[in-house]
C-alpha cells in the first residue's frame, strides 16, 4: 500500500466495459480522485460463471488492486457484487469495498402499479444479495425479474444501436411489458449503455433506474467517513489508468465508443489465480 492512503487511487472493476457507466459517475461525483479501472474481459460475462468462479475472480482482481495501492474498491459489476461482495469485505479488511445493490427499494417506492421489472444477469437474479433486497424492500410489489442472455456480449461488441440488439431486448422485455411494469431496474452495469434503445421500446411511461450515481455518492460518503478523500491540491496528470485481461486495443476502442474519450490500457494476465501485469504499468 502507499504510505499516505488518501493519495492512492480508487480501484474499480467489472467483467468488461459495463463498469465504465459507474466510472463515469465516479468522475462526476469525485473529481479530485484518481482511479484504476480493471476489465476482466477474458472472463466476460461473469453471468456465465459459477458462484465459486465469480468469487475467485473477484478476489484475484481485488488483490491486484490492493497491491497497486488502491485505497478503496468499487465493484462496478452487479454479478460480482451478488456473488462476492461479502467475501471481498471479509478478505480486504484494511480498505472499504463498495458494491452494487439492486435498486429494488427505490423501484418499489416509485411504482404506481406496484409492478416492477428487473433486467439482470441470471447470476445476479439467483444471488443471495438480490433475494435479500427483494425480501426486505420489495415484498409488497410484484417483481418480474428477467435475464437477458447475450445482451452483455452485444454491448461489449459495441452493438448498442444494432437491429440484433433491439430484437434481443424486445424478446427479453416481453414478460415485463406484458405485466405492465412501470419501473424497470437495470441490474447490470452494461445496460445503461442501451438506455436510448430501452426508452424507444418501453416508451416514456416506464421509469428506468440504474444505480451508478447512487454508487458514486456512496463511495464518496465512505471516503469521507474513513478520512480517505483526496486533497484537491494534490492533482495528478494521470487521473485514470486502465487494465484489461482482454485485448487492450479493443478496450481502448470501447472506451472511445462508450464514453467518447481516449485512454491507453495495459494488458493484464491471470496466473495461478493471481492477476499480473503483462507489461509495466505507468505510475501515478
C-alpha atoms as a PDB file:
ATOM      1  CA  UNK A   1       0.000   0.000   0.000  1.00  0.00           C
ATOM      2  CA  UNK A   2       1.026   3.610  -0.475  1.00  0.00           C
ATOM      3  CA  UNK A   3       2.424   5.425   2.565  1.00  0.00           C
ATOM      4  CA  UNK A   4      -0.359   8.004   2.574  1.00  0.00           C
ATOM      5  CA  UNK A   5      -3.599   6.104   1.860  1.00  0.00           C
ATOM      6  CA  UNK A   6      -5.569   9.197   0.838  1.00  0.00           C
ATOM      7  CA  UNK A   7      -3.260   9.643  -2.184  1.00  0.00           C
ATOM      8  CA  UNK A   8      -3.969   6.181  -3.572  1.00  0.00           C
ATOM      9  CA  UNK A   9      -6.368   5.513  -6.430  1.00  0.00           C
ATOM     10  CA  UNK A  10      -9.859   4.103  -6.136  1.00  0.00           C
ATOM     11  CA  UNK A  11      -9.862   0.643  -7.694  1.00  0.00           C
ATOM     12  CA  UNK A  12     -12.850  -0.101  -9.929  1.00  0.00           C
ATOM     13  CA  UNK A  13     -13.519  -3.417 -11.634  1.00  0.00           C
ATOM     14  CA  UNK A  14     -16.023  -5.205 -13.824  1.00  0.00           C
ATOM     15  CA  UNK A  15     -16.097  -8.264 -16.048  1.00  0.00           C
ATOM     16  CA  UNK A  16     -15.727  -5.939 -19.017  1.00  0.00           C
ATOM     17  CA  UNK A  17     -16.661  -2.441 -20.157  1.00  0.00           C
ATOM     18  CA  UNK A  18     -20.004  -2.219 -18.359  1.00  0.00           C
ATOM     19  CA  UNK A  19     -18.422  -0.749 -15.259  1.00  0.00           C
ATOM     20  CA  UNK A  20     -17.455   2.285 -17.321  1.00  0.00           C
ATOM     21  CA  UNK A  21     -21.004   3.520 -16.635  1.00  0.00           C
ATOM     22  CA  UNK A  22     -20.096   3.553 -12.936  1.00  0.00           C
ATOM     23  CA  UNK A  23     -16.673   5.053 -13.585  1.00  0.00           C
ATOM     24  CA  UNK A  24     -18.350   7.913 -15.453  1.00  0.00           C
ATOM     25  CA  UNK A  25     -20.493   8.656 -12.388  1.00  0.00           C
ATOM     26  CA  UNK A  26     -17.462   8.422 -10.104  1.00  0.00           C
ATOM     27  CA  UNK A  27     -15.666  11.025 -12.219  1.00  0.00           C
ATOM     28  CA  UNK A  28     -18.639  13.357 -11.882  1.00  0.00           C
ATOM     29  CA  UNK A  29     -19.078  12.971  -8.131  1.00  0.00           C
ATOM     30  CA  UNK A  30     -15.407  12.639  -7.120  1.00  0.00           C
ATOM     31  CA  UNK A  31     -13.470  14.951  -9.442  1.00  0.00           C
ATOM     32  CA  UNK A  32     -10.388  15.115  -7.204  1.00  0.00           C
ATOM     33  CA  UNK A  33      -9.863  11.356  -7.055  1.00  0.00           C
ATOM     34  CA  UNK A  34      -7.710   9.082  -9.166  1.00  0.00           C
ATOM     35  CA  UNK A  35      -8.894   5.723 -10.446  1.00  0.00           C
ATOM     36  CA  UNK A  36      -7.581   2.416 -11.680  1.00  0.00           C
ATOM     37  CA  UNK A  37     -10.172   0.524 -13.737  1.00  0.00           C
ATOM     38  CA  UNK A  38      -9.762  -3.209 -14.393  1.00  0.00           C
ATOM     39  CA  UNK A  39     -11.832  -5.044 -17.009  1.00  0.00           C
ATOM     40  CA  UNK A  40     -11.644  -8.842 -16.771  1.00  0.00           C
ATOM     41  CA  UNK A  41     -12.652  -9.180 -20.396  1.00  0.00           C
ATOM     42  CA  UNK A  42     -11.118 -12.640 -20.645  1.00  0.00           C
ATOM     43  CA  UNK A  43     -13.911 -13.981 -18.430  1.00  0.00           C
ATOM     44  CA  UNK A  44     -16.722 -11.698 -19.599  1.00  0.00           C
ATOM     45  CA  UNK A  45     -19.593 -12.106 -18.965  1.00  0.00           C
ATOM     46  CA  UNK A  46     -19.427 -13.148 -15.320  1.00  0.00           C
ATOM     47  CA  UNK A  47     -23.041 -14.252 -15.528  1.00  0.00           C
ATOM     48  CA  UNK A  48     -21.871 -17.360 -17.379  1.00  0.00           C
ATOM     49  CA  UNK A  49     -19.650 -18.490 -14.495  1.00  0.00           C
ATOM     50  CA  UNK A  50     -20.404 -20.415 -11.321  1.00  0.00           C
ATOM     51  CA  UNK A  51     -20.649 -18.593  -7.962  1.00  0.00           C
ATOM     52  CA  UNK A  52     -17.332 -20.150  -6.956  1.00  0.00           C
ATOM     53  CA  UNK A  53     -15.610 -18.911 -10.105  1.00  0.00           C
ATOM     54  CA  UNK A  54     -17.058 -15.414  -9.698  1.00  0.00           C
ATOM     55  CA  UNK A  55     -15.773 -15.234  -6.139  1.00  0.00           C
ATOM     56  CA  UNK A  56     -12.304 -16.480  -7.115  1.00  0.00           C
ATOM     57  CA  UNK A  57     -12.017 -13.978  -9.972  1.00  0.00           C
ATOM     58  CA  UNK A  58     -13.258 -11.102  -7.831  1.00  0.00           C
ATOM     59  CA  UNK A  59     -10.801 -11.868  -5.042  1.00  0.00           C
ATOM     60  CA  UNK A  60      -7.938 -12.092  -7.528  1.00  0.00           C
ATOM     61  CA  UNK A  61      -8.767  -8.695  -9.008  1.00  0.00           C
ATOM     62  CA  UNK A  62      -9.196  -7.171  -5.557  1.00  0.00           C
ATOM     63  CA  UNK A  63      -5.759  -8.414  -4.517  1.00  0.00           C
ATOM     64  CA  UNK A  64      -4.270  -6.853  -7.647  1.00  0.00           C
ATOM     65  CA  UNK A  65      -5.967  -3.511  -6.944  1.00  0.00           C
ATOM     66  CA  UNK A  66      -4.761  -3.619  -3.351  1.00  0.00           C
ATOM     67  CA  UNK A  67      -1.213  -4.337  -4.476  1.00  0.00           C
ATOM     68  CA  UNK A  68      -1.467  -1.336  -6.809  1.00  0.00           C
ATOM     69  CA  UNK A  69      -2.167   0.856  -3.783  1.00  0.00           C
ATOM     70  CA  UNK A  70      -5.946   1.193  -4.045  1.00  0.00           C
ATOM     71  CA  UNK A  71      -7.371   2.991  -1.013  1.00  0.00           C
ATOM     72  CA  UNK A  72     -10.900   1.738  -1.757  1.00  0.00           C
ATOM     73  CA  UNK A  73     -12.548  -0.622  -4.228  1.00  0.00           C
ATOM     74  CA  UNK A  74     -15.777  -0.156  -6.150  1.00  0.00           C
ATOM     75  CA  UNK A  75     -17.195  -3.411  -7.502  1.00  0.00           C
ATOM     76  CA  UNK A  76     -18.749  -1.976 -10.671  1.00  0.00           C
ATOM     77  CA  UNK A  77     -20.380  -5.283 -11.546  1.00  0.00           C
ATOM     78  CA  UNK A  78     -23.748  -6.481 -10.298  1.00  0.00           C
ATOM     79  CA  UNK A  79     -22.873 -10.141 -10.790  1.00  0.00           C
ATOM     80  CA  UNK A  80     -19.603  -9.835  -8.851  1.00  0.00           C
ATOM     81  CA  UNK A  81     -21.384  -7.874  -6.128  1.00  0.00           C
ATOM     82  CA  UNK A  82     -24.081 -10.525  -5.871  1.00  0.00           C
ATOM     83  CA  UNK A  83     -21.580 -13.371  -5.716  1.00  0.00           C
ATOM     84  CA  UNK A  84     -18.537 -11.964  -3.959  1.00  0.00           C
ATOM     85  CA  UNK A  85     -19.233  -8.749  -2.024  1.00  0.00           C
ATOM     86  CA  UNK A  86     -19.346 -10.424   1.386  1.00  0.00           C
ATOM     87  CA  UNK A  87     -16.160 -12.379   0.674  1.00  0.00           C
ATOM     88  CA  UNK A  88     -14.395  -9.270  -0.618  1.00  0.00           C
ATOM     89  CA  UNK A  89     -15.185  -7.291   2.519  1.00  0.00           C
ATOM     90  CA  UNK A  90     -14.013 -10.133   4.730  1.00  0.00           C
ATOM     91  CA  UNK A  91     -10.827 -10.508   2.693  1.00  0.00           C
ATOM     92  CA  UNK A  92      -9.875  -6.820   2.428  1.00  0.00           C
ATOM     93  CA  UNK A  93     -10.233  -5.636   5.997  1.00  0.00           C
ATOM     94  CA  UNK A  94      -7.878  -2.651   5.507  1.00  0.00           C
ATOM     95  CA  UNK A  95      -9.826  -0.804   2.808  1.00  0.00           C
ATOM     96  CA  UNK A  96     -13.524  -0.191   2.124  1.00  0.00           C
ATOM     97  CA  UNK A  97     -15.349  -2.086  -0.615  1.00  0.00           C
ATOM     98  CA  UNK A  98     -18.436  -0.550  -2.244  1.00  0.00           C
ATOM     99  CA  UNK A  99     -20.689  -2.798  -4.317  1.00  0.00           C
ATOM    100  CA  UNK A 100     -23.766  -2.697  -6.493  1.00  0.00           C
ATOM    101  CA  UNK A 101     -27.140  -3.275  -4.829  1.00  0.00           C
ATOM    102  CA  UNK A 102     -30.247  -3.789  -6.989  1.00  0.00           C
ATOM    103  CA  UNK A 103     -32.384  -0.644  -6.846  1.00  0.00           C
ATOM    104  CA  UNK A 104     -35.490  -2.562  -5.773  1.00  0.00           C
ATOM    105  CA  UNK A 105     -36.154  -0.398  -2.717  1.00  0.00           C
ATOM    106  CA  UNK A 106     -36.369   2.760  -4.810  1.00  0.00           C
ATOM    107  CA  UNK A 107     -38.334   0.979  -7.525  1.00  0.00           C
ATOM    108  CA  UNK A 108     -40.926  -0.338  -5.076  1.00  0.00           C
ATOM    109  CA  UNK A 109     -41.492   3.159  -3.724  1.00  0.00           C
ATOM    110  CA  UNK A 110     -41.806   4.721  -7.169  1.00  0.00           C
ATOM    111  CA  UNK A 111     -44.080   2.185  -8.863  1.00  0.00           C
ATOM    112  CA  UNK A 112     -47.656   3.437  -9.233  1.00  0.00           C
ATOM    113  CA  UNK A 113     -48.876  -0.002 -10.345  1.00  0.00           C
ATOM    114  CA  UNK A 114     -46.957  -1.942  -7.668  1.00  0.00           C
ATOM    115  CA  UNK A 115     -45.267  -3.783 -10.535  1.00  0.00           C
ATOM    116  CA  UNK A 116     -41.538  -3.598 -11.122  1.00  0.00           C
ATOM    117  CA  UNK A 117     -39.334  -5.136 -13.781  1.00  0.00           C
ATOM    118  CA  UNK A 118     -35.702  -6.146 -13.267  1.00  0.00           C
ATOM    119  CA  UNK A 119     -33.318  -6.753 -16.155  1.00  0.00           C
ATOM    120  CA  UNK A 120     -30.170  -8.507 -14.958  1.00  0.00           C
ATOM    121  CA  UNK A 121     -27.932 -11.496 -15.483  1.00  0.00           C
ATOM    122  CA  UNK A 122     -29.162 -14.859 -14.260  1.00  0.00           C
ATOM    123  CA  UNK A 123     -26.330 -14.993 -11.732  1.00  0.00           C
ATOM    124  CA  UNK A 124     -27.446 -11.687 -10.212  1.00  0.00           C
ATOM    125  CA  UNK A 125     -31.080 -12.768 -10.030  1.00  0.00           C
ATOM    126  CA  UNK A 126     -30.121 -16.064  -8.398  1.00  0.00           C
ATOM    127  CA  UNK A 127     -27.738 -14.444  -5.931  1.00  0.00           C
ATOM    128  CA  UNK A 128     -28.243 -14.062  -2.196  1.00  0.00           C
ATOM    129  CA  UNK A 129     -27.888 -10.265  -2.340  1.00  0.00           C
ATOM    130  CA  UNK A 130     -30.752  -9.889  -4.815  1.00  0.00           C
ATOM    131  CA  UNK A 131     -33.024 -12.199  -2.800  1.00  0.00           C
ATOM    132  CA  UNK A 132     -32.232 -10.338   0.409  1.00  0.00           C
ATOM    133  CA  UNK A 133     -33.009  -6.925  -1.092  1.00  0.00           C
ATOM    134  CA  UNK A 134     -36.182  -8.293  -2.675  1.00  0.00           C
ATOM    135  CA  UNK A 135     -37.431  -9.744   0.585  1.00  0.00           C
ATOM    136  CA  UNK A 136     -36.556  -6.673   2.664  1.00  0.00           C
ATOM    137  CA  UNK A 137     -37.718  -3.884   0.415  1.00  0.00           C
ATOM    138  CA  UNK A 138     -39.950  -5.176  -2.379  1.00  0.00           C
ATOM    139  CA  UNK A 139     -42.050  -7.940  -0.856  1.00  0.00           C
ATOM    140  CA  UNK A 140     -45.233  -5.908  -1.258  1.00  0.00           C
ATOM    141  CA  UNK A 141     -44.875  -5.323  -5.013  1.00  0.00           C
ATOM    142  CA  UNK A 142     -44.881  -7.653  -7.976  1.00  0.00           C
ATOM    143  CA  UNK A 143     -41.360  -8.087  -9.338  1.00  0.00           C
ATOM    144  CA  UNK A 144     -40.708  -9.570 -12.761  1.00  0.00           C
ATOM    145  CA  UNK A 145     -37.013 -10.465 -12.883  1.00  0.00           C
ATOM    146  CA  UNK A 146     -35.794 -11.208 -16.377  1.00  0.00           C
ATOM    147  CA  UNK A 147     -32.382 -12.375 -17.552  1.00  0.00           C
ATOM    148  CA  UNK A 148     -31.234 -11.335 -21.000  1.00  0.00           C
ATOM    149  CA  UNK A 149     -28.548 -13.769 -22.217  1.00  0.00           C
ATOM    150  CA  UNK A 150     -26.394 -12.265 -24.926  1.00  0.00           C
ATOM    151  CA  UNK A 151     -27.013  -8.609 -24.113  1.00  0.00           C
ATOM    152  CA  UNK A 152     -23.697  -8.114 -22.327  1.00  0.00           C
ATOM    153  CA  UNK A 153     -21.888  -9.605 -25.314  1.00  0.00           C
ATOM    154  CA  UNK A 154     -23.705  -7.250 -27.689  1.00  0.00           C
ATOM    155  CA  UNK A 155     -22.683  -4.233 -25.631  1.00  0.00           C
ATOM    156  CA  UNK A 156     -19.100  -5.475 -25.307  1.00  0.00           C
ATOM    157  CA  UNK A 157     -19.016  -5.696 -29.101  1.00  0.00           C
ATOM    158  CA  UNK A 158     -20.261  -2.117 -29.402  1.00  0.00           C
ATOM    159  CA  UNK A 159     -23.649  -3.155 -30.792  1.00  0.00           C
ATOM    160  CA  UNK A 160     -25.621  -0.621 -28.771  1.00  0.00           C
ATOM    161  CA  UNK A 161     -27.764   0.538 -31.699  1.00  0.00           C
ATOM    162  CA  UNK A 162     -27.968  -2.567 -33.861  1.00  0.00           C
ATOM    163  CA  UNK A 163     -31.183  -4.296 -35.004  1.00  0.00           C
ATOM    164  CA  UNK A 164     -29.970  -7.543 -33.412  1.00  0.00           C
ATOM    165  CA  UNK A 165     -29.628  -5.862 -30.015  1.00  0.00           C
ATOM    166  CA  UNK A 166     -33.066  -4.307 -30.369  1.00  0.00           C
ATOM    167  CA  UNK A 167     -34.611  -7.683 -31.250  1.00  0.00           C
ATOM    168  CA  UNK A 168     -32.903  -9.273 -28.259  1.00  0.00           C
ATOM    169  CA  UNK A 169     -34.185  -6.570 -25.917  1.00  0.00           C
ATOM    170  CA  UNK A 170     -37.726  -6.824 -27.257  1.00  0.00           C
ATOM    171  CA  UNK A 171     -37.673 -10.560 -26.563  1.00  0.00           C
ATOM    172  CA  UNK A 172     -36.224 -10.184 -23.074  1.00  0.00           C
ATOM    173  CA  UNK A 173     -38.556  -7.350 -22.107  1.00  0.00           C
ATOM    174  CA  UNK A 174     -41.715  -9.120 -23.297  1.00  0.00           C
ATOM    175  CA  UNK A 175     -42.690 -10.541 -19.850  1.00  0.00           C
ATOM    176  CA  UNK A 176     -42.050  -7.170 -18.197  1.00  0.00           C
ATOM    177  CA  UNK A 177     -44.109  -5.326 -20.799  1.00  0.00           C
ATOM    178  CA  UNK A 178     -46.895  -7.902 -20.535  1.00  0.00           C
ATOM    179  CA  UNK A 179     -47.026  -7.385 -16.762  1.00  0.00           C
ATOM    180  CA  UNK A 180     -47.382  -3.601 -17.325  1.00  0.00           C
ATOM    181  CA  UNK A 181     -44.453  -2.776 -15.059  1.00  0.00           C
ATOM    182  CA  UNK A 182     -43.986   0.971 -14.775  1.00  0.00           C
ATOM    183  CA  UNK A 183     -40.453   0.874 -13.334  1.00  0.00           C
ATOM    184  CA  UNK A 184     -37.501  -1.049 -14.777  1.00  0.00           C
ATOM    185  CA  UNK A 185     -34.400  -1.690 -12.686  1.00  0.00           C
ATOM    186  CA  UNK A 186     -31.219  -2.121 -14.701  1.00  0.00           C
ATOM    187  CA  UNK A 187     -29.386  -4.802 -12.758  1.00  0.00           C
ATOM    188  CA  UNK A 188     -26.197  -4.878 -14.825  1.00  0.00           C
ATOM    189  CA  UNK A 189     -23.703  -2.057 -15.284  1.00  0.00           C
ATOM    190  CA  UNK A 190     -23.543  -2.774 -19.029  1.00  0.00           C
ATOM    191  CA  UNK A 191     -27.211  -1.967 -19.535  1.00  0.00           C
ATOM    192  CA  UNK A 192     -27.127   1.851 -19.126  1.00  0.00           C
ATOM    193  CA  UNK A 193     -25.368   1.975 -22.483  1.00  0.00           C
ATOM    194  CA  UNK A 194     -28.594   0.826 -24.193  1.00  0.00           C
ATOM    195  CA  UNK A 195     -30.904   3.220 -22.323  1.00  0.00           C
ATOM    196  CA  UNK A 196     -31.843   5.102 -25.534  1.00  0.00           C
ATOM    197  CA  UNK A 197     -32.980   1.818 -27.084  1.00  0.00           C
ATOM    198  CA  UNK A 198     -34.815   0.819 -23.903  1.00  0.00           C
ATOM    199  CA  UNK A 199     -36.703   4.118 -23.965  1.00  0.00           C
ATOM    200  CA  UNK A 200     -37.729   3.550 -27.572  1.00  0.00           C
ATOM    201  CA  UNK A 201     -39.051   0.070 -26.750  1.00  0.00           C
ATOM    202  CA  UNK A 202     -40.728   0.841 -23.429  1.00  0.00           C
ATOM    203  CA  UNK A 203     -41.983   4.348 -24.044  1.00  0.00           C
ATOM    204  CA  UNK A 204     -41.884   7.354 -21.708  1.00  0.00           C
ATOM    205  CA  UNK A 205     -44.294   5.918 -19.132  1.00  0.00           C
ATOM    206  CA  UNK A 206     -41.743   3.399 -17.803  1.00  0.00           C
ATOM    207  CA  UNK A 207     -39.191   4.806 -15.365  1.00  0.00           C
ATOM    208  CA  UNK A 208     -35.655   3.432 -15.762  1.00  0.00           C
ATOM    209  CA  UNK A 209     -33.497   3.077 -12.656  1.00  0.00           C
ATOM    210  CA  UNK A 210     -29.751   2.478 -12.825  1.00  0.00           C
ATOM    211  CA  UNK A 211     -27.546   2.765  -9.745  1.00  0.00           C
ATOM    212  CA  UNK A 212     -24.319   4.397 -10.940  1.00  0.00           C
ATOM    213  CA  UNK A 213     -24.996   7.789  -9.334  1.00  0.00           C
ATOM    214  CA  UNK A 214     -26.060   6.168  -6.060  1.00  0.00           C
ATOM    215  CA  UNK A 215     -22.911   4.029  -6.008  1.00  0.00           C
ATOM    216  CA  UNK A 216     -20.708   7.055  -6.690  1.00  0.00           C
ATOM    217  CA  UNK A 217     -22.353   9.002  -3.873  1.00  0.00           C
ATOM    218  CA  UNK A 218     -21.913   6.052  -1.519  1.00  0.00           C
ATOM    219  CA  UNK A 219     -18.245   5.814  -2.458  1.00  0.00           C
ATOM    220  CA  UNK A 220     -17.860   9.493  -1.606  1.00  0.00           C
ATOM    221  CA  UNK A 221     -19.532   9.019   1.777  1.00  0.00           C
ATOM    222  CA  UNK A 222     -17.284   6.077   2.569  1.00  0.00           C
ATOM    223  CA  UNK A 223     -14.151   8.031   1.682  1.00  0.00           C
ATOM    224  CA  UNK A 224     -15.172  10.899   3.943  1.00  0.00           C
ATOM    225  CA  UNK A 225     -16.084   8.554   6.799  1.00  0.00           C
ATOM    226  CA  UNK A 226     -12.684   6.844   6.555  1.00  0.00           C
ATOM    227  CA  UNK A 227     -10.744  10.074   6.076  1.00  0.00           C
ATOM    228  CA  UNK A 228      -9.596   8.886   2.649  1.00  0.00           C
ATOM    229  CA  UNK A 229     -10.833  11.696   0.414  1.00  0.00           C
ATOM    230  CA  UNK A 230      -8.200  13.225  -1.859  1.00  0.00           C
ATOM    231  CA  UNK A 231      -6.701  16.617  -1.222  1.00  0.00           C
ATOM    232  CA  UNK A 232      -7.901  18.866  -4.085  1.00  0.00           C
ATOM    233  CA  UNK A 233      -4.449  20.444  -4.261  1.00  0.00           C
ATOM    234  CA  UNK A 234      -2.710  17.114  -4.943  1.00  0.00           C
ATOM    235  CA  UNK A 235      -3.826  16.698  -8.520  1.00  0.00           C
ATOM    236  CA  UNK A 236      -2.144  14.334 -10.990  1.00  0.00           C
ATOM    237  CA  UNK A 237      -1.625  14.497 -14.719  1.00  0.00           C
ATOM    238  CA  UNK A 238      -2.970  10.945 -14.950  1.00  0.00           C
ATOM    239  CA  UNK A 239      -6.367  10.685 -13.241  1.00  0.00           C
ATOM    240  CA  UNK A 240      -7.424   7.259 -14.521  1.00  0.00           C
ATOM    241  CA  UNK A 241      -5.470   4.190 -15.521  1.00  0.00           C
ATOM    242  CA  UNK A 242      -6.944   1.157 -17.275  1.00  0.00           C
ATOM    243  CA  UNK A 243      -6.053  -2.516 -17.349  1.00  0.00           C
ATOM    244  CA  UNK A 244      -7.720  -5.400 -19.147  1.00  0.00           C
ATOM    245  CA  UNK A 245      -7.308  -9.155 -19.345  1.00  0.00           C
ATOM    246  CA  UNK A 246      -8.567  -8.938 -22.904  1.00  0.00           C
ATOM    247  CA  UNK A 247      -7.236  -7.038 -25.914  1.00  0.00           C
ATOM    248  CA  UNK A 248      -6.038  -3.563 -24.838  1.00  0.00           C
ATOM    249  CA  UNK A 249      -6.792  -2.139 -28.293  1.00  0.00           C
ATOM    250  CA  UNK A 250     -10.366  -3.441 -28.139  1.00  0.00           C
ATOM    251  CA  UNK A 251     -10.806  -1.902 -24.689  1.00  0.00           C
ATOM    252  CA  UNK A 252      -9.484   1.437 -25.935  1.00  0.00           C
ATOM    253  CA  UNK A 253     -11.966   1.351 -28.827  1.00  0.00           C
ATOM    254  CA  UNK A 254     -14.778   0.615 -26.354  1.00  0.00           C
ATOM    255  CA  UNK A 255     -13.673   3.469 -24.124  1.00  0.00           C
ATOM    256  CA  UNK A 256     -13.886   5.869 -27.041  1.00  0.00           C
ATOM    257  CA  UNK A 257     -17.136   4.399 -28.340  1.00  0.00           C
ATOM    258  CA  UNK A 258     -18.975   4.349 -24.999  1.00  0.00           C
ATOM    259  CA  UNK A 259     -17.572   7.388 -23.202  1.00  0.00           C
ATOM    260  CA  UNK A 260     -16.164   9.428 -26.066  1.00  0.00           C
ATOM    261  CA  UNK A 261     -12.673   9.612 -24.586  1.00  0.00           C
ATOM    262  CA  UNK A 262      -9.246   8.262 -25.442  1.00  0.00           C
ATOM    263  CA  UNK A 263      -7.148   6.314 -22.966  1.00  0.00           C
ATOM    264  CA  UNK A 264      -4.393   3.733 -23.071  1.00  0.00           C
ATOM    265  CA  UNK A 265      -4.990   0.348 -21.461  1.00  0.00           C
ATOM    266  CA  UNK A 266      -2.332  -2.098 -20.352  1.00  0.00           C
ATOM    267  CA  UNK A 267      -2.587  -5.860 -20.640  1.00  0.00           C
ATOM    268  CA  UNK A 268      -3.182  -7.989 -17.542  1.00  0.00           C
ATOM    269  CA  UNK A 269      -2.835 -11.745 -17.338  1.00  0.00           C
ATOM    270  CA  UNK A 270      -4.088 -14.445 -14.964  1.00  0.00           C
ATOM    271  CA  UNK A 271      -1.535 -16.821 -13.488  1.00  0.00           C
ATOM    272  CA  UNK A 272      -2.488 -19.394 -10.857  1.00  0.00           C
ATOM    273  CA  UNK A 273      -5.351 -17.283  -9.556  1.00  0.00           C
ATOM    274  CA  UNK A 274      -3.334 -14.061  -9.479  1.00  0.00           C
ATOM    275  CA  UNK A 275      -3.805 -11.089 -11.758  1.00  0.00           C
ATOM    276  CA  UNK A 276      -0.471  -9.826 -13.051  1.00  0.00           C
ATOM    277  CA  UNK A 277       0.686  -7.039 -15.322  1.00  0.00           C
ATOM    278  CA  UNK A 278       1.601  -8.239 -18.773  1.00  0.00           C
ATOM    279  CA  UNK A 279       3.688  -5.081 -19.159  1.00  0.00           C
ATOM    280  CA  UNK A 280       4.987  -2.323 -16.890  1.00  0.00           C
ATOM    281  CA  UNK A 281       2.190  -0.084 -15.667  1.00  0.00           C
ATOM    282  CA  UNK A 282       2.666   3.689 -15.850  1.00  0.00           C
ATOM    283  CA  UNK A 283       2.953   5.143 -12.381  1.00  0.00           C
ATOM    284  CA  UNK A 284       0.812   7.887 -10.964  1.00  0.00           C
END
